[in-house]
PDB file of N, CA and C in Angstrom:
ATOM      1  N   UNK A   1      13.133  -8.744  15.853  1.00  0.00           N
ATOM      2  CA  UNK A   1      12.665  -7.714  14.419  1.00  0.00           C
ATOM      3  C   UNK A   1      11.567  -8.084  13.603  1.00  0.00           C
ATOM      4  N   UNK A   2      10.410  -7.370  13.176  1.00  0.00           N
ATOM      5  CA  UNK A   2       9.448  -7.754  12.158  1.00  0.00           C
ATOM      6  C   UNK A   2      10.072  -7.686  11.251  1.00  0.00           C
ATOM      7  N   UNK A   3       9.082  -8.740   9.864  1.00  0.00           N
ATOM      8  CA  UNK A   3       9.424  -8.569   8.375  1.00  0.00           C
ATOM      9  C   UNK A   3       9.326  -6.993   7.513  1.00  0.00           C
ATOM     10  N   UNK A   4       8.454  -6.657   8.410  1.00  0.00           N
ATOM     11  CA  UNK A   4       8.363  -4.687   8.374  1.00  0.00           C
ATOM     12  C   UNK A   4       9.129  -3.856   8.710  1.00  0.00           C
ATOM     13  N   UNK A   5       9.751  -4.115  10.246  1.00  0.00           N
ATOM     14  CA  UNK A   5      10.599  -3.147  10.851  1.00  0.00           C
ATOM     15  C   UNK A   5      12.553  -3.337   9.999  1.00  0.00           C
ATOM     16  N   UNK A   6      12.435  -4.877   9.362  1.00  0.00           N
ATOM     17  CA  UNK A   6      13.852  -5.669   8.541  1.00  0.00           C
ATOM     18  C   UNK A   6      13.832  -4.272   7.115  1.00  0.00           C
ATOM     19  N   UNK A   7      12.285  -4.806   6.947  1.00  0.00           N
ATOM     20  CA  UNK A   7      11.964  -3.931   5.014  1.00  0.00           C
ATOM     21  C   UNK A   7      11.721  -2.248   5.346  1.00  0.00           C
ATOM     22  N   UNK A   8      12.119  -1.916   6.456  1.00  0.00           N
ATOM     23  CA  UNK A   8      11.865  -1.133   7.025  1.00  0.00           C
ATOM     24  C   UNK A   8      13.728  -0.037   6.944  1.00  0.00           C
ATOM     25  N   UNK A   9      13.945  -1.091   7.722  1.00  0.00           N
ATOM     26  CA  UNK A   9      15.538  -0.678   8.208  1.00  0.00           C
ATOM     27  C   UNK A   9      16.728  -0.633   6.618  1.00  0.00           C
ATOM     28  N   UNK A  10      16.356  -1.653   5.391  1.00  0.00           N
ATOM     29  CA  UNK A  10      16.352  -1.936   4.526  1.00  0.00           C
ATOM     30  C   UNK A  10      16.682  -0.279   3.181  1.00  0.00           C
ATOM     31  N   UNK A  11      14.901  -0.517   3.110  1.00  0.00           N
ATOM     32  CA  UNK A  11      14.610   0.797   2.940  1.00  0.00           C
ATOM     33  C   UNK A  11      15.448   1.830   3.386  1.00  0.00           C
ATOM     34  N   UNK A  12      15.190   2.485   4.780  1.00  0.00           N
ATOM     35  CA  UNK A  12      16.398   3.555   5.555  1.00  0.00           C
ATOM     36  C   UNK A  12      17.214   3.897   4.720  1.00  0.00           C
ATOM     37  N   UNK A  13      18.337   3.182   4.751  1.00  0.00           N
ATOM     38  CA  UNK A  13      19.366   2.466   5.100  1.00  0.00           C
ATOM     39  C   UNK A  13      19.473   2.885   3.194  1.00  0.00           C
ATOM     40  N   UNK A  14      18.953   3.023   2.159  1.00  0.00           N
ATOM     41  CA  UNK A  14      18.887   2.587   0.772  1.00  0.00           C
ATOM     42  C   UNK A  14      18.468   3.895   0.822  1.00  0.00           C
ATOM     43  N   UNK A  15      17.744   5.061   1.269  1.00  0.00           N
ATOM     44  CA  UNK A  15      17.482   6.418   1.452  1.00  0.00           C
ATOM     45  C   UNK A  15      18.753   7.294   1.776  1.00  0.00           C
ATOM     46  N   UNK A  16      18.826   7.207   2.566  1.00  0.00           N
ATOM     47  CA  UNK A  16      20.252   7.650   3.692  1.00  0.00           C
ATOM     48  C   UNK A  16      21.730   7.754   3.120  1.00  0.00           C
ATOM     49  N   UNK A  17      22.117   6.154   2.516  1.00  0.00           N
ATOM     50  CA  UNK A  17      22.752   6.401   1.290  1.00  0.00           C
ATOM     51  C   UNK A  17      22.994   7.493   0.850  1.00  0.00           C
ATOM     52  N   UNK A  18      21.922   7.199  -0.226  1.00  0.00           N
ATOM     53  CA  UNK A  18      21.706   8.512  -0.849  1.00  0.00           C
ATOM     54  C   UNK A  18      21.482   9.781  -0.698  1.00  0.00           C
ATOM     55  N   UNK A  19      21.054  10.497   0.376  1.00  0.00           N
ATOM     56  CA  UNK A  19      21.285  11.855   0.594  1.00  0.00           C
ATOM     57  C   UNK A  19      19.655  12.355   0.487  1.00  0.00           C
ATOM     58  N   UNK A  20      18.489  11.671   0.683  1.00  0.00           N
ATOM     59  CA  UNK A  20      17.888  11.603   0.388  1.00  0.00           C
ATOM     60  C   UNK A  20      16.307  12.297   0.932  1.00  0.00           C
ATOM     61  N   UNK A  21      16.543  11.937   2.189  1.00  0.00           N
ATOM     62  CA  UNK A  21      15.853  12.320   3.360  1.00  0.00           C
ATOM     63  C   UNK A  21      15.446  13.352   2.823  1.00  0.00           C
ATOM     64  N   UNK A  22      16.355  14.464   2.404  1.00  0.00           N
ATOM     65  CA  UNK A  22      15.894  15.848   2.699  1.00  0.00           C
ATOM     66  C   UNK A  22      15.088  16.213   1.417  1.00  0.00           C
ATOM     67  N   UNK A  23      14.962  15.821   1.363  1.00  0.00           N
ATOM     68  CA  UNK A  23      13.985  15.078  -0.356  1.00  0.00           C
ATOM     69  C   UNK A  23      11.864  14.503   0.162  1.00  0.00           C
ATOM     70  N   UNK A  24      11.978  14.367   1.894  1.00  0.00           N
ATOM     71  CA  UNK A  24      11.118  13.211   1.517  1.00  0.00           C
ATOM     72  C   UNK A  24      10.140  13.693   2.732  1.00  0.00           C
ATOM     73  N   UNK A  25       9.839  14.599   2.954  1.00  0.00           N
ATOM     74  CA  UNK A  25       8.586  15.386   3.664  1.00  0.00           C
ATOM     75  C   UNK A  25       7.586  14.439   3.638  1.00  0.00           C
ATOM     76  N   UNK A  26       6.463  14.442   4.874  1.00  0.00           N
ATOM     77  CA  UNK A  26       5.900  13.876   4.687  1.00  0.00           C
ATOM     78  C   UNK A  26       4.674  14.094   3.144  1.00  0.00           C
ATOM     79  N   UNK A  27       4.371  15.109   2.573  1.00  0.00           N
ATOM     80  CA  UNK A  27       3.502  15.780   1.737  1.00  0.00           C
ATOM     81  C   UNK A  27       4.126  14.301   0.132  1.00  0.00           C
ATOM     82  N   UNK A  28       5.254  14.980   0.351  1.00  0.00           N
ATOM     83  CA  UNK A  28       5.675  14.462  -0.502  1.00  0.00           C
ATOM     84  C   UNK A  28       5.898  13.353  -0.772  1.00  0.00           C
ATOM     85  N   UNK A  29       6.020  12.403   0.228  1.00  0.00           N
ATOM     86  CA  UNK A  29       5.706  10.704   0.225  1.00  0.00           C
ATOM     87  C   UNK A  29       4.714  10.644   0.082  1.00  0.00           C
ATOM     88  N   UNK A  30       3.653  11.037   1.023  1.00  0.00           N
ATOM     89  CA  UNK A  30       1.714  10.693   0.376  1.00  0.00           C
ATOM     90  C   UNK A  30       1.930  11.062  -0.999  1.00  0.00           C
ATOM     91  N   UNK A  31       2.223  11.989  -1.818  1.00  0.00           N
ATOM     92  CA  UNK A  31       1.942  12.100  -3.150  1.00  0.00           C
ATOM     93  C   UNK A  31       3.093  11.009  -3.937  1.00  0.00           C
ATOM     94  N   UNK A  32       4.207  10.657  -3.483  1.00  0.00           N
ATOM     95  CA  UNK A  32       4.759   9.349  -4.332  1.00  0.00           C
ATOM     96  C   UNK A  32       3.856   8.398  -4.181  1.00  0.00           C
ATOM     97  N   UNK A  33       3.286   8.021  -3.251  1.00  0.00           N
ATOM     98  CA  UNK A  33       2.584   6.413  -2.288  1.00  0.00           C
ATOM     99  C   UNK A  33       1.644   6.545  -3.572  1.00  0.00           C
ATOM    100  N   UNK A  34       0.841   7.783  -3.689  1.00  0.00           N
ATOM    101  CA  UNK A  34      -0.233   7.898  -4.751  1.00  0.00           C
ATOM    102  C   UNK A  34       0.243   7.685  -5.770  1.00  0.00           C
ATOM    103  N   UNK A  35       1.023   8.507  -6.229  1.00  0.00           N
ATOM    104  CA  UNK A  35       1.407   8.289  -7.804  1.00  0.00           C
ATOM    105  C   UNK A  35       1.774   6.757  -7.754  1.00  0.00           C
ATOM    106  N   UNK A  36       2.325   6.105  -6.776  1.00  0.00           N
ATOM    107  CA  UNK A  36       3.040   5.049  -7.434  1.00  0.00           C
ATOM    108  C   UNK A  36       2.021   3.940  -7.550  1.00  0.00           C
ATOM    109  N   UNK A  37       0.807   4.281  -6.821  1.00  0.00           N
ATOM    110  CA  UNK A  37      -0.683   3.631  -6.722  1.00  0.00           C
ATOM    111  C   UNK A  37      -1.403   3.877  -7.907  1.00  0.00           C
ATOM    112  N   UNK A  38      -1.008   5.401  -8.396  1.00  0.00           N
ATOM    113  CA  UNK A  38      -1.824   5.035  -9.579  1.00  0.00           C
ATOM    114  C   UNK A  38      -1.274   4.351 -10.685  1.00  0.00           C
ATOM    115  N   UNK A  39       0.101   4.211 -10.953  1.00  0.00           N
ATOM    116  CA  UNK A  39       0.941   3.258 -12.076  1.00  0.00           C
ATOM    117  C   UNK A  39       0.302   1.800 -11.370  1.00  0.00           C
ATOM    118  N   UNK A  40       0.549   1.711 -10.743  1.00  0.00           N
ATOM    119  CA  UNK A  40      -0.716  -0.285 -10.528  1.00  0.00           C
ATOM    120  C   UNK A  40      -1.841   0.120 -11.684  1.00  0.00           C
ATOM    121  N   UNK A  41      -2.044   1.067 -11.117  1.00  0.00           N
ATOM    122  CA  UNK A  41      -3.539   1.100 -11.431  1.00  0.00           C
ATOM    123  C   UNK A  41      -3.982   1.097 -12.904  1.00  0.00           C
ATOM    124  N   UNK A  42      -3.214   1.327 -13.483  1.00  0.00           N
ATOM    125  CA  UNK A  42      -3.026   1.893 -15.239  1.00  0.00           C
ATOM    126  C   UNK A  42      -2.603   0.726 -15.768  1.00  0.00           C
ATOM    127  N   UNK A  43      -2.472   0.321 -15.109  1.00  0.00           N
ATOM    128  CA  UNK A  43      -1.913  -1.847 -15.750  1.00  0.00           C
ATOM    129  C   UNK A  43      -3.168  -2.269 -16.208  1.00  0.00           C
ATOM    130  N   UNK A  44      -4.352  -2.008 -15.097  1.00  0.00           N
ATOM    131  CA  UNK A  44      -5.692  -2.278 -15.522  1.00  0.00           C
ATOM    132  C   UNK A  44      -6.858  -2.037 -15.944  1.00  0.00           C
ATOM    133  N   UNK A  45      -6.193  -0.165 -16.252  1.00  0.00           N
ATOM    134  CA  UNK A  45      -7.163   0.507 -16.872  1.00  0.00           C
ATOM    135  C   UNK A  45      -8.071  -0.148 -18.039  1.00  0.00           C
ATOM    136  N   UNK A  46      -9.225   0.064 -18.155  1.00  0.00           N
ATOM    137  CA  UNK A  46      -9.904  -0.213 -19.644  1.00  0.00           C
ATOM    138  C   UNK A  46      -9.581  -1.345 -19.102  1.00  0.00           C
ATOM    139  N   UNK A  47      -9.489  -2.097 -18.793  1.00  0.00           N
ATOM    140  CA  UNK A  47      -9.465  -4.090 -19.514  1.00  0.00           C
ATOM    141  C   UNK A  47     -10.802  -4.188 -18.699  1.00  0.00           C
ATOM    142  N   UNK A  48     -10.917  -5.385 -19.408  1.00  0.00           N
ATOM    143  CA  UNK A  48     -12.319  -6.012 -19.358  1.00  0.00           C
ATOM    144  C   UNK A  48     -11.265  -7.091 -18.228  1.00  0.00           C
ATOM    145  N   UNK A  49     -12.928  -8.422 -17.558  1.00  0.00           N
ATOM    146  CA  UNK A  49     -11.980  -8.953 -16.662  1.00  0.00           C
ATOM    147  C   UNK A  49     -10.669 -10.217 -17.224  1.00  0.00           C
ATOM    148  N   UNK A  50     -10.938 -10.503 -19.203  1.00  0.00           N
ATOM    149  CA  UNK A  50     -10.535 -11.395 -19.198  1.00  0.00           C
ATOM    150  C   UNK A  50      -8.558 -10.588 -19.533  1.00  0.00           C
ATOM    151  N   UNK A  51      -8.604  -9.623 -20.223  1.00  0.00           N
ATOM    152  CA  UNK A  51      -7.374  -9.146 -20.417  1.00  0.00           C
ATOM    153  C   UNK A  51      -7.274  -8.524 -18.892  1.00  0.00           C
ATOM    154  N   UNK A  52      -7.492  -8.534 -17.752  1.00  0.00           N
ATOM    155  CA  UNK A  52      -7.105  -8.019 -16.231  1.00  0.00           C
ATOM    156  C   UNK A  52      -6.213  -9.450 -16.264  1.00  0.00           C
ATOM    157  N   UNK A  53      -6.883 -10.524 -16.136  1.00  0.00           N
ATOM    158  CA  UNK A  53      -6.697 -11.883 -15.816  1.00  0.00           C
ATOM    159  C   UNK A  53      -4.985 -11.369 -16.898  1.00  0.00           C
ATOM    160  N   UNK A  54      -5.384 -11.917 -18.421  1.00  0.00           N
ATOM    161  CA  UNK A  54      -4.094 -11.479 -18.828  1.00  0.00           C
ATOM    162  C   UNK A  54      -2.961 -10.675 -18.473  1.00  0.00           C
ATOM    163  N   UNK A  55      -3.357  -9.823 -18.393  1.00  0.00           N
ATOM    164  CA  UNK A  55      -2.443  -8.735 -17.755  1.00  0.00           C
ATOM    165  C   UNK A  55      -1.707  -9.388 -16.505  1.00  0.00           C
ATOM    166  N   UNK A  56      -2.059  -9.958 -16.000  1.00  0.00           N
ATOM    167  CA  UNK A  56      -1.281 -10.582 -14.611  1.00  0.00           C
ATOM    168  C   UNK A  56      -0.974 -11.938 -15.102  1.00  0.00           C
ATOM    169  N   UNK A  57      -0.696 -12.396 -15.423  1.00  0.00           N
ATOM    170  CA  UNK A  57      -0.598 -13.479 -15.998  1.00  0.00           C
ATOM    171  C   UNK A  57       1.630 -13.206 -16.992  1.00  0.00           C
ATOM    172  N   UNK A  58       0.838 -11.758 -17.542  1.00  0.00           N
ATOM    173  CA  UNK A  58       2.257 -11.182 -18.998  1.00  0.00           C
ATOM    174  C   UNK A  58       2.485 -10.302 -18.498  1.00  0.00           C
ATOM    175  N   UNK A  59       1.919  -9.517 -17.248  1.00  0.00           N
ATOM    176  CA  UNK A  59       3.002  -8.868 -16.259  1.00  0.00           C
ATOM    177  C   UNK A  59       3.193  -8.451 -15.064  1.00  0.00           C
ATOM    178  N   UNK A  60       3.441  -9.705 -14.695  1.00  0.00           N
ATOM    179  CA  UNK A  60       4.042  -9.791 -12.999  1.00  0.00           C
ATOM    180  C   UNK A  60       4.833  -9.382 -12.205  1.00  0.00           C
ATOM    181  N   UNK A  61       5.875  -9.105 -13.677  1.00  0.00           N
ATOM    182  CA  UNK A  61       7.243  -8.366 -13.156  1.00  0.00           C
ATOM    183  C   UNK A  61       6.263  -6.981 -13.195  1.00  0.00           C
ATOM    184  N   UNK A  62       5.981  -6.306 -13.836  1.00  0.00           N
ATOM    185  CA  UNK A  62       5.906  -4.857 -14.311  1.00  0.00           C
ATOM    186  C   UNK A  62       4.588  -4.731 -12.382  1.00  0.00           C
ATOM    187  N   UNK A  63       4.075  -5.510 -12.387  1.00  0.00           N
ATOM    188  CA  UNK A  63       3.260  -5.615 -11.356  1.00  0.00           C
ATOM    189  C   UNK A  63       3.191  -5.424  -9.665  1.00  0.00           C
ATOM    190  N   UNK A  64       5.095  -6.507  -9.870  1.00  0.00           N
ATOM    191  CA  UNK A  64       5.615  -6.924  -8.060  1.00  0.00           C
ATOM    192  C   UNK A  64       5.670  -5.356  -8.703  1.00  0.00           C
ATOM    193  N   UNK A  65       6.924  -4.797  -9.096  1.00  0.00           N
ATOM    194  CA  UNK A  65       7.794  -3.499  -9.313  1.00  0.00           C
ATOM    195  C   UNK A  65       6.617  -2.561  -9.159  1.00  0.00           C
ATOM    196  N   UNK A  66       5.717  -1.993  -9.455  1.00  0.00           N
ATOM    197  CA  UNK A  66       4.634  -1.109  -9.141  1.00  0.00           C
ATOM    198  C   UNK A  66       4.247  -1.330  -7.527  1.00  0.00           C
ATOM    199  N   UNK A  67       4.065  -2.813  -7.400  1.00  0.00           N
ATOM    200  CA  UNK A  67       3.928  -2.905  -5.144  1.00  0.00           C
ATOM    201  C   UNK A  67       4.795  -2.261  -4.572  1.00  0.00           C
ATOM    202  N   UNK A  68       5.751  -3.081  -5.255  1.00  0.00           N
ATOM    203  CA  UNK A  68       6.587  -2.526  -4.096  1.00  0.00           C
ATOM    204  C   UNK A  68       7.061  -0.817  -4.165  1.00  0.00           C
ATOM    205  N   UNK A  69       7.490  -0.164  -5.938  1.00  0.00           N
ATOM    206  CA  UNK A  69       7.526   1.140  -5.216  1.00  0.00           C
ATOM    207  C   UNK A  69       5.930   1.568  -4.261  1.00  0.00           C
ATOM    208  N   UNK A  70       5.380   1.584  -3.880  1.00  0.00           N
ATOM    209  CA  UNK A  70       3.451   0.988  -3.126  1.00  0.00           C
ATOM    210  C   UNK A  70       4.020   0.994  -1.721  1.00  0.00           C
ATOM    211  N   UNK A  71       4.937  -0.108  -1.823  1.00  0.00           N
ATOM    212  CA  UNK A  71       5.154  -0.211  -0.830  1.00  0.00           C
ATOM    213  C   UNK A  71       6.247   0.254   0.057  1.00  0.00           C
ATOM    214  N   UNK A  72       7.825   1.039  -0.612  1.00  0.00           N
ATOM    215  CA  UNK A  72       8.663   1.535  -0.342  1.00  0.00           C
ATOM    216  C   UNK A  72       7.973   3.045   0.038  1.00  0.00           C
ATOM    217  N   UNK A  73       7.499   3.773  -0.481  1.00  0.00           N
ATOM    218  CA  UNK A  73       6.460   4.932   0.210  1.00  0.00           C
ATOM    219  C   UNK A  73       5.666   4.705   1.811  1.00  0.00           C
ATOM    220  N   UNK A  74       4.840   3.660   1.268  1.00  0.00           N
ATOM    221  CA  UNK A  74       4.253   3.501   2.355  1.00  0.00           C
ATOM    222  C   UNK A  74       5.317   2.687   3.806  1.00  0.00           C
ATOM    223  N   UNK A  75       5.905   2.293   3.631  1.00  0.00           N
ATOM    224  CA  UNK A  75       7.015   2.641   4.917  1.00  0.00           C
ATOM    225  C   UNK A  75       7.682   2.657   5.134  1.00  0.00           C
ATOM    226  N   UNK A  76       8.948   4.085   4.544  1.00  0.00           N
ATOM    227  CA  UNK A  76       8.946   5.131   4.960  1.00  0.00           C
ATOM    228  C   UNK A  76       8.154   6.761   5.430  1.00  0.00           C
ATOM    229  N   UNK A  77       6.983   6.571   4.271  1.00  0.00           N
ATOM    230  CA  UNK A  77       6.207   7.512   5.740  1.00  0.00           C
ATOM    231  C   UNK A  77       5.684   6.981   6.952  1.00  0.00           C
ATOM    232  N   UNK A  78       5.552   6.051   7.342  1.00  0.00           N
ATOM    233  CA  UNK A  78       5.179   5.561   8.244  1.00  0.00           C
ATOM    234  C   UNK A  78       6.845   5.673   9.360  1.00  0.00           C
ATOM    235  N   UNK A  79       7.646   5.124   8.086  1.00  0.00           N
ATOM    236  CA  UNK A  79       9.017   5.420   9.922  1.00  0.00           C
ATOM    237  C   UNK A  79       8.994   7.170   9.592  1.00  0.00           C
ATOM    238  N   UNK A  80       9.004   8.029   8.889  1.00  0.00           N
ATOM    239  CA  UNK A  80       9.334   9.055   9.280  1.00  0.00           C
ATOM    240  C   UNK A  80       8.342   9.994  10.482  1.00  0.00           C
ATOM    241  N   UNK A  81       7.302   9.040  10.488  1.00  0.00           N
ATOM    242  CA  UNK A  81       6.233   9.558  10.542  1.00  0.00           C
ATOM    243  C   UNK A  81       5.616   8.814  12.604  1.00  0.00           C
ATOM    244  N   UNK A  82       6.428   7.740  12.485  1.00  0.00           N
ATOM    245  CA  UNK A  82       6.820   7.172  13.540  1.00  0.00           C
ATOM    246  C   UNK A  82       5.637   6.574  14.240  1.00  0.00           C
ATOM    247  N   UNK A  83       4.730   5.936  13.095  1.00  0.00           N
ATOM    248  CA  UNK A  83       3.936   4.968  12.635  1.00  0.00           C
ATOM    249  C   UNK A  83       4.143   3.912  12.397  1.00  0.00           C
ATOM    250  N   UNK A  84       3.871   2.471  13.604  1.00  0.00           N
ATOM    251  CA  UNK A  84       4.106   1.041  13.866  1.00  0.00           C
ATOM    252  C   UNK A  84       3.286   0.179  12.696  1.00  0.00           C
ATOM    253  N   UNK A  85       3.326   0.014  11.753  1.00  0.00           N
ATOM    254  CA  UNK A  85       2.422  -0.049  11.121  1.00  0.00           C
ATOM    255  C   UNK A  85       1.998  -1.432  11.026  1.00  0.00           C
ATOM    256  N   UNK A  86       2.794  -2.077  12.033  1.00  0.00           N
ATOM    257  CA  UNK A  86       1.914  -3.838  12.242  1.00  0.00           C
ATOM    258  C   UNK A  86       0.581  -3.026  13.118  1.00  0.00           C
ATOM    259  N   UNK A  87       1.298  -2.265  13.791  1.00  0.00           N
ATOM    260  CA  UNK A  87       0.036  -2.025  15.009  1.00  0.00           C
ATOM    261  C   UNK A  87      -1.047  -1.599  14.290  1.00  0.00           C
ATOM    262  N   UNK A  88      -1.039  -0.503  13.583  1.00  0.00           N
ATOM    263  CA  UNK A  88      -1.634   0.296  13.070  1.00  0.00           C
ATOM    264  C   UNK A  88      -2.629  -0.581  11.657  1.00  0.00           C
ATOM    265  N   UNK A  89      -2.247  -1.629  11.293  1.00  0.00           N
ATOM    266  CA  UNK A  89      -2.913  -1.872  10.732  1.00  0.00           C
ATOM    267  C   UNK A  89      -4.078  -3.418  11.367  1.00  0.00           C
ATOM    268  N   UNK A  90      -3.401  -3.859  12.346  1.00  0.00           N
ATOM    269  CA  UNK A  90      -4.161  -4.491  13.888  1.00  0.00           C
ATOM    270  C   UNK A  90      -5.269  -3.705  13.873  1.00  0.00           C
ATOM    271  N   UNK A  91      -4.953  -2.981  14.159  1.00  0.00           N
ATOM    272  CA  UNK A  91      -6.247  -1.206  15.150  1.00  0.00           C
ATOM    273  C   UNK A  91      -7.084  -1.385  14.199  1.00  0.00           C
ATOM    274  N   UNK A  92      -6.759  -1.001  12.984  1.00  0.00           N
ATOM    275  CA  UNK A  92      -7.573  -0.458  11.714  1.00  0.00           C
ATOM    276  C   UNK A  92      -8.513  -1.783  11.024  1.00  0.00           C
ATOM    277  N   UNK A  93      -8.216  -2.972  11.346  1.00  0.00           N
ATOM    278  CA  UNK A  93      -8.764  -4.540  11.198  1.00  0.00           C
ATOM    279  C   UNK A  93      -9.523  -4.712  12.460  1.00  0.00           C
ATOM    280  N   UNK A  94      -9.621  -4.074  13.660  1.00  0.00           N
ATOM    281  CA  UNK A  94     -11.015  -4.050  14.575  1.00  0.00           C
ATOM    282  C   UNK A  94     -11.485  -3.309  14.379  1.00  0.00           C
ATOM    283  N   UNK A  95     -11.168  -1.886  14.234  1.00  0.00           N
ATOM    284  CA  UNK A  95     -12.134  -1.287  13.687  1.00  0.00           C
ATOM    285  C   UNK A  95     -12.636  -1.205  12.221  1.00  0.00           C
ATOM    286  N   UNK A  96     -12.600  -2.207  11.469  1.00  0.00           N
ATOM    287  CA  UNK A  96     -13.484  -2.642  10.537  1.00  0.00           C
ATOM    288  C   UNK A  96     -14.555  -3.731  10.357  1.00  0.00           C
ATOM    289  N   UNK A  97     -13.993  -4.231  11.194  1.00  0.00           N
ATOM    290  CA  UNK A  97     -14.515  -5.271  12.119  1.00  0.00           C
ATOM    291  C   UNK A  97     -15.334  -5.271  12.605  1.00  0.00           C
ATOM    292  N   UNK A  98     -15.985  -3.691  13.463  1.00  0.00           N
ATOM    293  CA  UNK A  98     -17.127  -3.363  13.382  1.00  0.00           C
ATOM    294  C   UNK A  98     -17.605  -2.496  12.979  1.00  0.00           C
ATOM    295  N   UNK A  99     -17.236  -1.296  11.615  1.00  0.00           N
ATOM    296  CA  UNK A  99     -17.752  -0.929  10.690  1.00  0.00           C
ATOM    297  C   UNK A  99     -18.769  -2.144   9.933  1.00  0.00           C
ATOM    298  N   UNK A 100     -18.152  -3.293  10.021  1.00  0.00           N
ATOM    299  CA  UNK A 100     -18.432  -4.508   8.977  1.00  0.00           C
ATOM    300  C   UNK A 100     -18.529  -5.972   9.153  1.00  0.00           C
ATOM    301  N   UNK A 101     -19.640  -6.161  10.907  1.00  0.00           N
ATOM    302  CA  UNK A 101     -19.844  -7.301  10.874  1.00  0.00           C
ATOM    303  C   UNK A 101     -20.116  -8.150   9.725  1.00  0.00           C
ATOM    304  N   UNK A 102     -20.204  -9.496  10.122  1.00  0.00           N
ATOM    305  CA  UNK A 102     -20.144  -9.931   9.189  1.00  0.00           C
ATOM    306  C   UNK A 102     -21.233 -10.648   9.159  1.00  0.00           C
ATOM    307  N   UNK A 103     -22.287 -10.812  10.106  1.00  0.00           N
ATOM    308  CA  UNK A 103     -23.458 -10.936   9.514  1.00  0.00           C
ATOM    309  C   UNK A 103     -24.340  -9.518   8.509  1.00  0.00           C
ATOM    310  N   UNK A 104     -23.777  -8.357   8.132  1.00  0.00           N
ATOM    311  CA  UNK A 104     -24.511  -7.591   7.984  1.00  0.00           C
ATOM    312  C   UNK A 104     -23.535  -7.506   5.893  1.00  0.00           C
ATOM    313  N   UNK A 105     -21.956  -7.899   5.897  1.00  0.00           N
ATOM    314  CA  UNK A 105     -21.644  -7.373   5.458  1.00  0.00           C
ATOM    315  C   UNK A 105     -20.935  -8.251   4.053  1.00  0.00           C
ATOM    316  N   UNK A 106     -21.029  -9.859   4.934  1.00  0.00           N
ATOM    317  CA  UNK A 106     -20.926 -10.758   3.863  1.00  0.00           C
ATOM    318  C   UNK A 106     -21.069 -11.349   2.541  1.00  0.00           C
ATOM    319  N   UNK A 107     -20.767 -10.817   1.642  1.00  0.00           N
ATOM    320  CA  UNK A 107     -20.894 -11.092   0.396  1.00  0.00           C
ATOM    321  C   UNK A 107     -21.297  -9.550  -0.205  1.00  0.00           C
ATOM    322  N   UNK A 108     -21.470  -8.531   0.498  1.00  0.00           N
ATOM    323  CA  UNK A 108     -22.446  -7.456  -0.434  1.00  0.00           C
ATOM    324  C   UNK A 108     -20.862  -6.054  -0.191  1.00  0.00           C
ATOM    325  N   UNK A 109     -20.886  -6.131  -1.026  1.00  0.00           N
ATOM    326  CA  UNK A 109     -19.324  -4.496  -1.583  1.00  0.00           C
ATOM    327  C   UNK A 109     -20.152  -3.077  -0.797  1.00  0.00           C
ATOM    328  N   UNK A 110     -21.779  -3.147  -0.243  1.00  0.00           N
ATOM    329  CA  UNK A 110     -21.661  -1.711  -0.012  1.00  0.00           C
ATOM    330  C   UNK A 110     -20.959  -1.314   1.256  1.00  0.00           C
ATOM    331  N   UNK A 111     -20.808   0.212   1.562  1.00  0.00           N
ATOM    332  CA  UNK A 111     -19.999   1.232   2.742  1.00  0.00           C
ATOM    333  C   UNK A 111     -20.468   0.805   3.876  1.00  0.00           C
ATOM    334  N   UNK A 112     -20.176   0.939   4.709  1.00  0.00           N
ATOM    335  CA  UNK A 112     -20.576   0.331   6.066  1.00  0.00           C
ATOM    336  C   UNK A 112     -21.856   1.390   6.577  1.00  0.00           C
ATOM    337  N   UNK A 113     -22.011   2.412   6.245  1.00  0.00           N
ATOM    338  CA  UNK A 113     -23.345   3.218   6.568  1.00  0.00           C
ATOM    339  C   UNK A 113     -24.439   3.170   5.659  1.00  0.00           C
ATOM    340  N   UNK A 114     -24.124   1.804   4.462  1.00  0.00           N
ATOM    341  CA  UNK A 114     -25.655   1.491   3.687  1.00  0.00           C
ATOM    342  C   UNK A 114     -26.122   0.243   3.819  1.00  0.00           C
ATOM    343  N   UNK A 115     -25.486  -0.321   5.243  1.00  0.00           N
ATOM    344  CA  UNK A 115     -25.474  -1.808   5.416  1.00  0.00           C
ATOM    345  C   UNK A 115     -26.843  -1.859   6.260  1.00  0.00           C
TER     346      UNK A 115
END
């Protein structure tokens, strides 16, 4: 069993013990994921690079909690939609490698259609 599968089992057990599946449709899980990602972004909003470095040092637990919340919703959504995240990530890396070949993309922030 992969780490992702093991974490997903724990998350699903946590949810099911509280009878929350009734509230977890794909739309609401996706919204929860976006909201938690926004809460993570808020930690860094309007900060200079030095302030970001300071936030990373001083708010490590808060950042960790928000990342965990993002992962929670992503894992639940993948579980409920029967998507193997390990397989999906591997497939996406292959697609991105084709879109962003090293010789064109290295050191560039350009989108694939602008390379």
